[in-house]
N, C-alpha and C. Protein backbone atom coordinates (compact mmCIF):
# COMPACT_ATOMS: atom_id res chain seq x y z
N MET A 1 27.56 -98.41 119.65
CA MET A 1 28.64 -97.43 121.42
C MET A 1 28.75 -96.72 120.62
N SER A 2 28.81 -95.87 121.20
CA SER A 2 29.31 -94.36 120.92
C SER A 2 30.79 -94.55 121.04
N VAL A 3 31.19 -93.17 120.16
CA VAL A 3 32.75 -93.36 120.95
C VAL A 3 33.03 -92.29 121.17
N THR A 4 33.72 -92.43 122.08
CA THR A 4 34.29 -90.99 122.88
C THR A 4 35.07 -90.48 122.28
N GLU A 5 35.14 -88.87 122.04
CA GLU A 5 36.37 -88.15 121.61
C GLU A 5 37.24 -87.77 122.23
N THR A 6 38.22 -87.35 122.74
CA THR A 6 38.84 -87.17 123.45
C THR A 6 39.61 -85.74 123.31
N ILE A 7 39.51 -84.73 123.88
CA ILE A 7 40.13 -83.31 123.73
C ILE A 7 41.27 -83.52 123.75
N LEU A 8 42.06 -82.87 123.12
CA LEU A 8 43.27 -82.65 123.53
C LEU A 8 44.05 -81.92 123.79
N PHE A 9 43.97 -80.65 123.12
CA PHE A 9 44.39 -79.17 123.23
C PHE A 9 42.91 -78.39 123.52
N SER A 10 42.34 -77.78 124.04
CA SER A 10 41.17 -76.78 124.19
C SER A 10 41.08 -75.17 123.50
N ARG A 11 40.76 -74.81 123.35
CA ARG A 11 40.34 -74.01 122.28
C ARG A 11 41.17 -72.42 123.61
N LYS A 12 40.82 -72.55 124.51
CA LYS A 12 41.96 -71.71 125.37
C LYS A 12 43.35 -72.34 125.27
N ALA A 13 43.10 -73.39 125.87
CA ALA A 13 45.30 -73.31 125.55
C ALA A 13 45.69 -73.36 124.49
N ILE A 14 44.97 -73.49 122.85
CA ILE A 14 45.56 -73.21 122.11
C ILE A 14 45.74 -71.32 122.15
N ALA A 15 44.93 -70.16 122.53
CA ALA A 15 44.76 -69.82 121.61
C ALA A 15 45.64 -69.07 123.07
N GLN A 16 46.30 -69.45 123.98
CA GLN A 16 47.68 -69.20 124.40
C GLN A 16 48.92 -69.00 124.21
N ARG A 17 48.32 -69.72 124.03
CA ARG A 17 49.84 -71.12 123.22
C ARG A 17 50.09 -69.66 122.19
N VAL A 18 49.30 -69.99 121.57
CA VAL A 18 49.19 -68.92 119.71
C VAL A 18 49.88 -67.28 120.12
N GLU A 19 49.85 -67.10 121.09
CA GLU A 19 50.09 -65.94 121.94
C GLU A 19 51.66 -65.83 122.20
N GLU A 20 52.29 -66.46 123.02
CA GLU A 20 53.19 -67.04 123.68
C GLU A 20 54.65 -67.35 122.20
N LEU A 21 53.71 -68.63 121.10
CA LEU A 21 54.54 -68.78 120.35
C LEU A 21 54.82 -67.05 119.34
N ALA A 22 53.84 -65.73 119.42
CA ALA A 22 53.92 -64.25 118.87
C ALA A 22 55.09 -64.29 118.99
N GLU A 23 54.79 -63.84 120.49
CA GLU A 23 55.80 -63.74 120.96
C GLU A 23 57.36 -63.84 120.95
N GLU A 24 56.87 -65.41 121.22
CA GLU A 24 58.45 -65.66 120.86
C GLU A 24 59.33 -66.21 119.76
N ILE A 25 58.55 -65.38 118.77
CA ILE A 25 58.85 -64.98 117.11
C ILE A 25 59.22 -63.73 116.70
N ALA A 26 58.59 -62.76 117.61
CA ALA A 26 58.78 -61.27 117.29
C ALA A 26 59.75 -60.89 118.33
N SER A 27 60.10 -61.80 119.40
CA SER A 27 61.26 -61.97 120.23
C SER A 27 62.87 -62.39 119.77
N ALA A 28 62.84 -63.15 118.49
CA ALA A 28 63.98 -63.60 118.49
C ALA A 28 65.13 -62.28 116.99
N PRO A 29 65.98 -62.70 117.22
CA PRO A 29 67.24 -61.54 117.06
C PRO A 29 66.58 -60.67 115.45
N CYS A 30 65.71 -62.15 114.43
CA CYS A 30 65.78 -61.78 113.38
C CYS A 30 64.40 -62.27 112.58
N ASN A 31 63.22 -61.33 112.67
CA ASN A 31 62.02 -61.63 112.37
C ASN A 31 61.86 -61.93 110.83
N PRO A 32 60.54 -62.72 110.72
CA PRO A 32 61.09 -62.86 109.14
C PRO A 32 60.23 -62.23 108.12
N GLU A 33 60.33 -62.43 107.07
CA GLU A 33 60.10 -61.41 106.00
C GLU A 33 59.03 -61.54 105.23
N VAL A 34 58.01 -62.84 105.29
CA VAL A 34 57.26 -63.42 104.54
C VAL A 34 57.02 -64.80 105.53
N ALA A 35 54.74 -65.78 105.32
CA ALA A 35 55.20 -66.61 105.98
C ALA A 35 54.45 -67.21 105.19
N VAL A 36 54.62 -67.88 105.54
CA VAL A 36 54.48 -69.93 104.54
C VAL A 36 54.19 -70.93 104.85
N PRO A 37 52.21 -70.37 104.81
CA PRO A 37 51.84 -71.47 106.01
C PRO A 37 51.79 -73.03 104.98
N ILE A 38 51.54 -73.92 104.96
CA ILE A 38 51.47 -75.59 104.82
C ILE A 38 50.28 -75.95 104.04
N LEU A 39 49.76 -75.23 103.51
CA LEU A 39 48.28 -76.32 103.12
C LEU A 39 47.95 -77.33 102.79
N ALA A 40 46.25 -77.97 103.86
CA ALA A 40 45.56 -77.35 104.20
C ALA A 40 45.65 -77.53 105.54
N GLY A 41 46.79 -78.29 106.71
CA GLY A 41 46.94 -78.26 107.54
C GLY A 41 46.42 -77.27 108.42
N ALA A 42 47.43 -76.31 108.12
CA ALA A 42 47.88 -75.42 109.38
C ALA A 42 47.26 -74.60 108.80
N PHE A 43 45.84 -74.06 108.01
CA PHE A 43 45.00 -72.69 107.32
C PHE A 43 44.67 -72.45 108.70
N VAL A 44 44.69 -73.06 109.72
CA VAL A 44 44.35 -72.18 111.49
C VAL A 44 44.83 -71.78 111.59
N PHE A 45 46.04 -72.40 112.25
CA PHE A 45 47.16 -72.08 113.07
C PHE A 45 47.30 -70.99 112.81
N ALA A 46 47.87 -71.32 111.21
CA ALA A 46 48.22 -69.78 110.78
C ALA A 46 47.67 -68.65 110.82
N ALA A 47 46.37 -68.70 110.42
CA ALA A 47 45.70 -67.53 110.34
C ALA A 47 45.28 -66.43 111.95
N ASP A 48 45.10 -67.76 112.80
CA ASP A 48 46.16 -67.38 114.03
C ASP A 48 46.87 -66.90 114.65
N LEU A 49 47.93 -67.32 114.04
CA LEU A 49 49.79 -67.22 114.21
C LEU A 49 49.66 -65.55 113.84
N LEU A 50 49.25 -65.48 112.75
CA LEU A 50 49.67 -64.34 111.91
C LEU A 50 49.18 -63.25 112.39
N ARG A 51 47.65 -63.03 112.56
CA ARG A 51 46.90 -61.97 113.78
C ARG A 51 47.78 -61.97 114.52
N ALA A 52 48.12 -62.45 115.84
CA ALA A 52 49.28 -62.56 117.19
C ALA A 52 50.13 -62.36 116.72
N LEU A 53 51.28 -61.59 115.65
CA LEU A 53 52.46 -61.22 115.57
C LEU A 53 51.62 -60.26 114.56
N ALA A 54 51.06 -59.99 113.56
CA ALA A 54 50.42 -58.43 113.62
C ALA A 54 50.15 -57.45 114.17
N ALA A 55 49.89 -57.82 115.38
CA ALA A 55 49.21 -57.62 116.69
C ALA A 55 50.75 -56.99 117.63
N LYS A 56 51.69 -57.74 117.28
CA LYS A 56 53.31 -57.48 117.15
C LYS A 56 53.92 -56.23 116.83
N HIS A 57 53.18 -55.63 115.66
CA HIS A 57 53.42 -55.52 115.28
C HIS A 57 54.46 -55.74 113.80
N ILE A 58 54.53 -57.68 113.30
CA ILE A 58 55.15 -57.69 112.47
C ILE A 58 54.01 -58.29 111.26
N ALA A 59 53.67 -58.10 110.82
CA ALA A 59 52.74 -57.94 109.80
C ALA A 59 53.76 -58.70 108.27
N LEU A 60 53.06 -59.71 107.73
CA LEU A 60 53.71 -60.58 107.10
C LEU A 60 53.44 -60.77 106.01
N PRO A 61 53.17 -60.75 104.76
CA PRO A 61 53.11 -61.36 103.15
C PRO A 61 52.72 -62.33 103.17
N ILE A 62 52.50 -63.05 102.87
CA ILE A 62 51.82 -64.88 103.14
C ILE A 62 51.74 -65.36 101.18
N GLU A 63 52.90 -65.99 101.42
CA GLU A 63 53.06 -67.18 99.72
C GLU A 63 52.61 -68.43 100.47
N PHE A 64 51.57 -69.37 100.43
CA PHE A 64 51.20 -70.47 100.59
C PHE A 64 51.55 -72.01 99.58
N VAL A 65 52.08 -73.17 100.47
CA VAL A 65 53.05 -74.20 99.81
C VAL A 65 51.68 -75.65 99.67
N TRP A 66 51.23 -76.32 99.47
CA TRP A 66 50.67 -77.45 99.35
C TRP A 66 50.51 -78.58 99.17
N LEU A 67 51.10 -79.28 100.26
CA LEU A 67 51.68 -80.14 100.26
C LEU A 67 50.36 -81.54 101.48
N ARG A 68 50.52 -82.48 100.53
CA ARG A 68 49.54 -83.49 100.72
C ARG A 68 50.35 -84.56 101.13
N SER A 69 50.30 -85.19 103.21
CA SER A 69 51.76 -86.16 103.34
C SER A 69 50.25 -88.05 103.92
N TYR A 70 49.56 -86.72 104.77
CA TYR A 70 47.92 -88.26 105.16
C TYR A 70 47.00 -88.53 104.36
N ASP A 71 46.97 -87.96 103.68
CA ASP A 71 45.71 -88.65 102.51
C ASP A 71 44.53 -88.63 103.59
N GLU A 72 43.91 -89.86 103.26
CA GLU A 72 43.38 -90.70 103.82
C GLU A 72 43.84 -91.24 105.25
N ALA A 73 45.03 -91.68 104.82
CA ALA A 73 45.31 -92.03 106.19
C ALA A 73 45.27 -92.09 107.32
N GLN A 74 46.09 -92.58 108.67
CA GLN A 74 46.34 -92.21 110.06
C GLN A 74 47.51 -91.91 109.75
N THR A 75 48.40 -92.69 108.89
CA THR A 75 50.19 -93.13 109.46
C THR A 75 50.62 -92.01 107.63
N PRO A 76 51.78 -90.64 108.14
CA PRO A 76 52.64 -90.27 106.92
C PRO A 76 52.45 -90.99 105.69
N GLN A 77 52.32 -90.93 104.81
CA GLN A 77 52.71 -91.05 103.47
C GLN A 77 54.45 -90.59 102.68
N ASN A 78 54.32 -90.59 100.85
CA ASN A 78 54.88 -89.75 100.63
C ASN A 78 54.14 -88.11 100.53
N VAL A 79 54.64 -87.78 99.94
CA VAL A 79 54.29 -85.91 100.49
C VAL A 79 54.34 -85.66 98.78
N GLU A 80 53.51 -84.85 98.62
CA GLU A 80 52.70 -84.84 97.26
C GLU A 80 52.69 -83.55 97.32
N ILE A 81 53.17 -83.03 96.52
CA ILE A 81 53.55 -81.55 95.97
C ILE A 81 52.00 -81.42 95.15
N LEU A 82 50.94 -80.36 95.92
CA LEU A 82 49.88 -79.68 95.03
C LEU A 82 50.12 -78.43 94.88
N ARG A 83 50.95 -77.78 95.56
CA ARG A 83 51.53 -76.27 95.11
C ARG A 83 52.22 -75.48 95.60
N GLY A 84 53.71 -74.67 94.86
CA GLY A 84 54.89 -75.13 95.60
C GLY A 84 55.20 -73.58 95.79
N PRO A 85 56.20 -73.43 95.86
CA PRO A 85 55.71 -71.59 96.74
C PRO A 85 56.00 -70.90 95.17
N ASP A 86 55.67 -69.44 95.48
CA ASP A 86 56.00 -68.63 93.97
C ASP A 86 57.29 -67.48 94.08
N LYS A 87 57.55 -66.55 93.24
CA LYS A 87 58.65 -66.03 93.52
C LYS A 87 59.42 -65.55 94.36
N ALA A 88 57.83 -65.15 95.42
CA ALA A 88 58.02 -63.57 96.27
C ALA A 88 58.52 -63.53 97.38
N VAL A 89 59.38 -65.49 97.52
CA VAL A 89 59.76 -65.93 98.41
C VAL A 89 61.27 -65.70 98.59
N SER A 90 61.75 -65.39 96.78
CA SER A 90 63.24 -65.20 97.10
C SER A 90 64.41 -64.05 97.79
N ASP A 91 65.52 -64.39 98.26
CA ASP A 91 66.22 -63.77 98.79
C ASP A 91 65.40 -62.89 100.00
N LYS A 92 64.15 -64.22 100.67
CA LYS A 92 63.40 -63.68 102.29
C LYS A 92 64.07 -64.79 103.12
N SER A 93 63.84 -64.20 104.04
CA SER A 93 63.82 -64.59 105.03
C SER A 93 62.73 -65.95 106.20
N VAL A 94 62.33 -66.97 105.52
CA VAL A 94 60.56 -67.02 106.09
C VAL A 94 59.72 -68.23 107.03
N LEU A 95 59.01 -67.86 107.63
CA LEU A 95 58.08 -68.59 108.56
C LEU A 95 57.29 -69.74 107.91
N VAL A 96 58.51 -71.02 108.32
CA VAL A 96 56.84 -71.69 107.67
C VAL A 96 56.26 -72.32 108.75
N ILE A 97 55.07 -72.10 108.35
CA ILE A 97 53.97 -73.13 109.98
C ILE A 97 53.27 -74.27 109.44
N ASP A 98 53.32 -75.25 109.81
CA ASP A 98 52.15 -76.20 110.11
C ASP A 98 51.70 -76.61 110.98
N GLY A 99 50.47 -77.57 110.72
CA GLY A 99 49.90 -78.39 111.77
C GLY A 99 50.05 -79.50 112.86
N VAL A 100 50.97 -79.94 112.09
CA VAL A 100 51.57 -80.65 112.96
C VAL A 100 52.78 -81.35 112.42
N LEU A 101 53.71 -81.90 113.22
CA LEU A 101 54.95 -82.62 112.74
C LEU A 101 55.07 -84.24 113.45
N ASP A 102 54.95 -84.64 112.22
CA ASP A 102 54.71 -86.16 112.62
C ASP A 102 56.70 -86.73 112.53
N SER A 103 56.25 -86.45 111.17
CA SER A 103 57.82 -88.01 110.43
C SER A 103 58.67 -86.76 110.28
N GLY A 104 58.29 -85.49 110.05
CA GLY A 104 58.83 -84.74 109.40
C GLY A 104 58.76 -84.45 108.15
N ALA A 105 58.61 -85.88 107.57
CA ALA A 105 58.98 -85.28 105.88
C ALA A 105 57.75 -84.36 104.94
N THR A 106 56.88 -84.29 105.97
CA THR A 106 56.29 -82.45 104.27
C THR A 106 57.59 -81.00 105.10
N LEU A 107 58.08 -81.03 106.28
CA LEU A 107 58.21 -80.63 106.66
C LEU A 107 59.94 -79.92 105.83
N ALA A 108 60.56 -81.67 105.15
CA ALA A 108 62.08 -81.48 105.06
C ALA A 108 61.60 -81.15 103.07
N ALA A 109 59.92 -81.37 102.90
CA ALA A 109 59.46 -81.32 101.44
C ALA A 109 59.25 -79.46 101.12
N ALA A 110 59.24 -79.18 102.19
CA ALA A 110 58.44 -77.46 102.38
C ALA A 110 59.98 -76.96 102.55
N ARG A 111 60.96 -77.33 103.20
CA ARG A 111 61.73 -76.60 102.95
C ARG A 111 63.57 -77.14 101.68
N GLU A 112 62.60 -77.55 101.20
CA GLU A 112 64.06 -78.16 100.19
C GLU A 112 63.37 -77.55 99.13
N LEU A 113 61.70 -77.40 98.46
CA LEU A 113 61.28 -76.36 97.53
C LEU A 113 61.65 -75.08 97.94
N LEU A 114 62.02 -74.27 99.61
CA LEU A 114 62.37 -72.78 99.40
C LEU A 114 63.21 -72.66 99.35
N PHE A 115 64.25 -73.76 99.38
CA PHE A 115 65.35 -73.29 99.14
C PHE A 115 66.32 -73.69 97.96
N ALA A 116 64.26 -74.56 97.66
CA ALA A 116 65.63 -74.70 95.11
C ALA A 116 64.96 -72.95 94.81
N ALA A 117 63.53 -72.31 95.39
CA ALA A 117 62.80 -71.43 94.98
C ALA A 117 63.84 -69.61 95.65
N GLY A 118 65.11 -70.78 96.34
CA GLY A 118 65.97 -69.13 96.12
C GLY A 118 65.82 -67.92 98.12
N VAL A 119 65.11 -69.17 98.85
CA VAL A 119 64.92 -68.02 100.05
C VAL A 119 66.22 -68.24 100.69
N ARG A 120 66.65 -67.30 101.27
CA ARG A 120 67.61 -67.02 102.58
C ARG A 120 67.67 -67.37 103.78
N SER A 121 66.74 -67.88 104.03
CA SER A 121 66.29 -68.95 105.34
C SER A 121 65.29 -69.06 105.66
N ILE A 122 65.29 -69.32 106.73
CA ILE A 122 63.91 -70.48 106.99
C ILE A 122 64.08 -71.13 108.65
N ASN A 123 62.77 -70.07 108.67
CA ASN A 123 62.15 -70.96 110.15
C ASN A 123 60.73 -71.60 110.67
N SER A 124 60.75 -72.12 110.99
CA SER A 124 59.35 -73.24 111.55
C SER A 124 58.55 -73.50 112.74
N VAL A 125 57.68 -73.36 112.51
CA VAL A 125 56.61 -73.25 113.73
C VAL A 125 55.98 -74.18 113.19
N VAL A 126 54.94 -74.72 114.34
CA VAL A 126 54.50 -76.25 114.29
C VAL A 126 52.73 -76.39 115.44
N ALA A 127 52.23 -76.05 115.35
CA ALA A 127 50.85 -75.70 116.13
C ALA A 127 51.20 -77.71 117.10
N VAL A 128 51.86 -78.12 116.77
CA VAL A 128 51.96 -79.29 117.14
C VAL A 128 53.39 -80.72 117.05
N ALA A 129 53.50 -81.17 117.41
CA ALA A 129 54.46 -82.35 116.69
C ALA A 129 54.41 -83.60 118.29
N LYS A 130 54.04 -84.48 117.14
CA LYS A 130 54.04 -85.86 117.81
C LYS A 130 54.92 -86.04 118.18
N ASN A 131 55.52 -87.87 119.08
CA ASN A 131 56.49 -87.98 119.53
C ASN A 131 56.23 -89.17 118.74
N ASN A 132 58.05 -88.78 117.68
CA ASN A 132 58.24 -90.07 116.30
C ASN A 132 59.43 -89.88 116.69
N PRO A 133 60.04 -91.47 117.23
CA PRO A 133 61.72 -91.14 117.36
C PRO A 133 61.96 -91.29 115.95
N LEU A 134 61.92 -91.14 114.94
CA LEU A 134 62.21 -91.54 113.22
C LEU A 134 62.00 -89.90 112.96
N ARG A 135 61.17 -89.12 112.97
CA ARG A 135 61.32 -87.83 112.63
C ARG A 135 62.87 -87.42 111.98
N ILE A 136 62.55 -87.02 111.06
CA ILE A 136 63.95 -86.64 110.37
C ILE A 136 63.96 -85.10 110.51
N ILE A 137 64.00 -84.01 110.99
CA ILE A 137 63.40 -82.72 111.16
C ILE A 137 62.76 -82.00 112.18
N GLU A 138 63.25 -80.80 113.37
CA GLU A 138 62.59 -80.84 114.10
C GLU A 138 62.12 -79.32 113.64
N ALA A 139 61.37 -78.45 114.19
CA ALA A 139 60.75 -77.39 114.41
C ALA A 139 61.11 -75.92 115.01
N ASP A 140 61.29 -75.39 114.59
CA ASP A 140 61.92 -74.49 115.49
C ASP A 140 61.23 -73.44 116.54
N TYR A 141 60.27 -73.50 116.51
CA TYR A 141 59.22 -73.01 117.75
C TYR A 141 57.77 -74.59 117.25
N VAL A 142 57.62 -74.94 118.37
CA VAL A 142 56.49 -75.94 118.78
C VAL A 142 55.23 -75.20 120.06
N GLY A 143 54.25 -75.23 119.52
CA GLY A 143 52.63 -74.74 119.46
C GLY A 143 52.83 -76.20 121.21
N PHE A 144 52.63 -77.38 121.12
CA PHE A 144 52.86 -78.29 121.99
C PHE A 144 52.69 -79.89 121.08
N ASN A 145 53.50 -80.79 121.89
CA ASN A 145 53.29 -81.73 122.13
C ASN A 145 52.90 -82.80 122.08
N SER A 146 52.28 -83.86 121.24
CA SER A 146 51.72 -84.96 121.82
C SER A 146 52.09 -86.85 121.63
N GLY A 147 51.70 -86.93 121.80
CA GLY A 147 51.90 -88.80 121.75
C GLY A 147 51.99 -89.27 120.59
N PRO A 148 51.73 -90.43 120.08
CA PRO A 148 51.64 -90.51 118.35
C PRO A 148 50.87 -90.84 117.74
N GLU A 149 49.32 -90.59 118.94
CA GLU A 149 48.70 -91.34 118.33
C GLU A 149 47.79 -89.48 116.87
N PHE A 150 46.94 -90.16 116.83
CA PHE A 150 46.31 -89.37 115.12
C PHE A 150 45.30 -88.24 115.78
N ILE A 151 45.75 -87.14 115.62
CA ILE A 151 45.18 -86.21 115.47
C ILE A 151 44.36 -84.87 114.86
N TYR A 152 43.33 -84.35 115.23
CA TYR A 152 42.25 -84.06 114.48
C TYR A 152 42.03 -82.36 114.19
N GLY A 153 41.55 -81.53 113.47
CA GLY A 153 40.60 -80.12 114.64
C GLY A 153 41.84 -79.11 114.60
N TYR A 154 41.31 -78.21 114.34
CA TYR A 154 42.20 -76.55 114.05
C TYR A 154 42.84 -76.15 112.68
N GLY A 155 41.69 -77.45 111.80
CA GLY A 155 42.99 -77.47 110.66
C GLY A 155 42.62 -78.32 110.17
N MET A 156 43.33 -79.22 111.11
CA MET A 156 43.70 -80.47 110.68
C MET A 156 42.30 -81.29 110.57
N ASP A 157 42.23 -81.74 109.11
CA ASP A 157 41.49 -83.27 109.14
C ASP A 157 41.32 -84.63 109.85
N TYR A 158 39.86 -85.06 110.31
CA TYR A 158 40.03 -87.02 109.84
C TYR A 158 39.69 -87.43 108.88
N ALA A 159 39.75 -88.17 107.90
CA ALA A 159 38.96 -88.56 106.62
C ALA A 159 38.77 -87.94 106.04
N GLY A 160 39.06 -85.88 106.04
CA GLY A 160 38.36 -85.08 105.57
C GLY A 160 37.57 -84.37 105.81
N SER A 161 37.25 -84.43 107.41
CA SER A 161 36.20 -83.55 108.77
C SER A 161 36.59 -83.26 109.75
N GLY A 162 36.26 -82.60 110.18
CA GLY A 162 36.72 -81.49 111.06
C GLY A 162 37.87 -80.77 111.59
N ARG A 163 38.10 -80.25 110.27
CA ARG A 163 38.85 -78.76 109.89
C ARG A 163 38.72 -77.78 111.42
N GLY A 164 37.56 -77.81 111.32
CA GLY A 164 37.33 -76.64 111.65
C GLY A 164 36.93 -76.66 112.80
N LEU A 165 37.07 -77.32 113.83
CA LEU A 165 37.19 -77.66 114.78
C LEU A 165 37.78 -76.76 116.21
N ALA A 166 37.33 -76.11 116.84
CA ALA A 166 38.45 -74.81 117.92
C ALA A 166 39.46 -75.65 118.42
N GLU A 167 38.87 -77.33 118.65
CA GLU A 167 40.26 -77.34 119.34
C GLU A 167 40.78 -78.29 118.99
N ILE A 168 42.54 -79.54 118.83
CA ILE A 168 42.72 -80.75 118.40
C ILE A 168 42.09 -81.41 119.59
N ARG A 169 41.81 -83.00 118.70
CA ARG A 169 41.33 -83.93 119.13
C ARG A 169 41.89 -85.40 119.58
N ILE A 170 41.82 -85.83 119.52
CA ILE A 170 42.22 -87.72 119.82
C ILE A 170 41.23 -88.79 118.22
N ALA A 171 41.79 -88.34 117.36
CA ALA A 171 40.93 -89.33 116.06
C ALA A 171 40.85 -91.08 117.35
N PRO A 172 39.63 -91.09 117.25
CA PRO A 172 39.22 -92.41 117.50
C PRO A 172 40.36 -93.49 117.08
N ARG A 173 40.82 -94.76 117.87
CA ARG A 173 41.79 -95.74 116.94
C ARG A 173 40.96 -96.42 115.57
N GLU A 174 41.76 -96.04 114.18
CA GLU A 174 41.23 -97.48 113.05
C GLU A 174 41.78 -98.75 113.72
N ARG A 175 40.43 -99.92 113.68
CA ARG A 175 40.32 -101.37 113.95
C ARG A 175 40.41 -102.19 112.80
């Protein structure tokens, strides 16, 4: 029996929404000074968003943090810090970029790390915010909203695969 994969957000829809997000961020009263993508899930979204911002004359230096909360699971686990921020973020206004917002634990951990590193202010943008009534934090900018299903593609993985897909898909259910 074959598994039918559901495309949740197409390449075209993602490209259009990234342009809209770049416009929203560029139109904000205070532009960020440093972009902080959360690896590994945000790398594709961050690259597209940062190119779109650069086209609007907001070319940001990039400082990565590497956090892991899903590992091999389809539900968020404890956040593991693989790489924290550098001193380059100190006294800066930063834009945290993540692929998916589920429980909010990863975004909250990133904010905590960045404030401990001395950032002045933080705004956050996520490609997808999942419907989770227990979420502990919200993003300032959201690309798309989705249901609680596990999603992958566009930088986000499904058991280690699928990061290179151009669209965002719903993973088959665990049995």
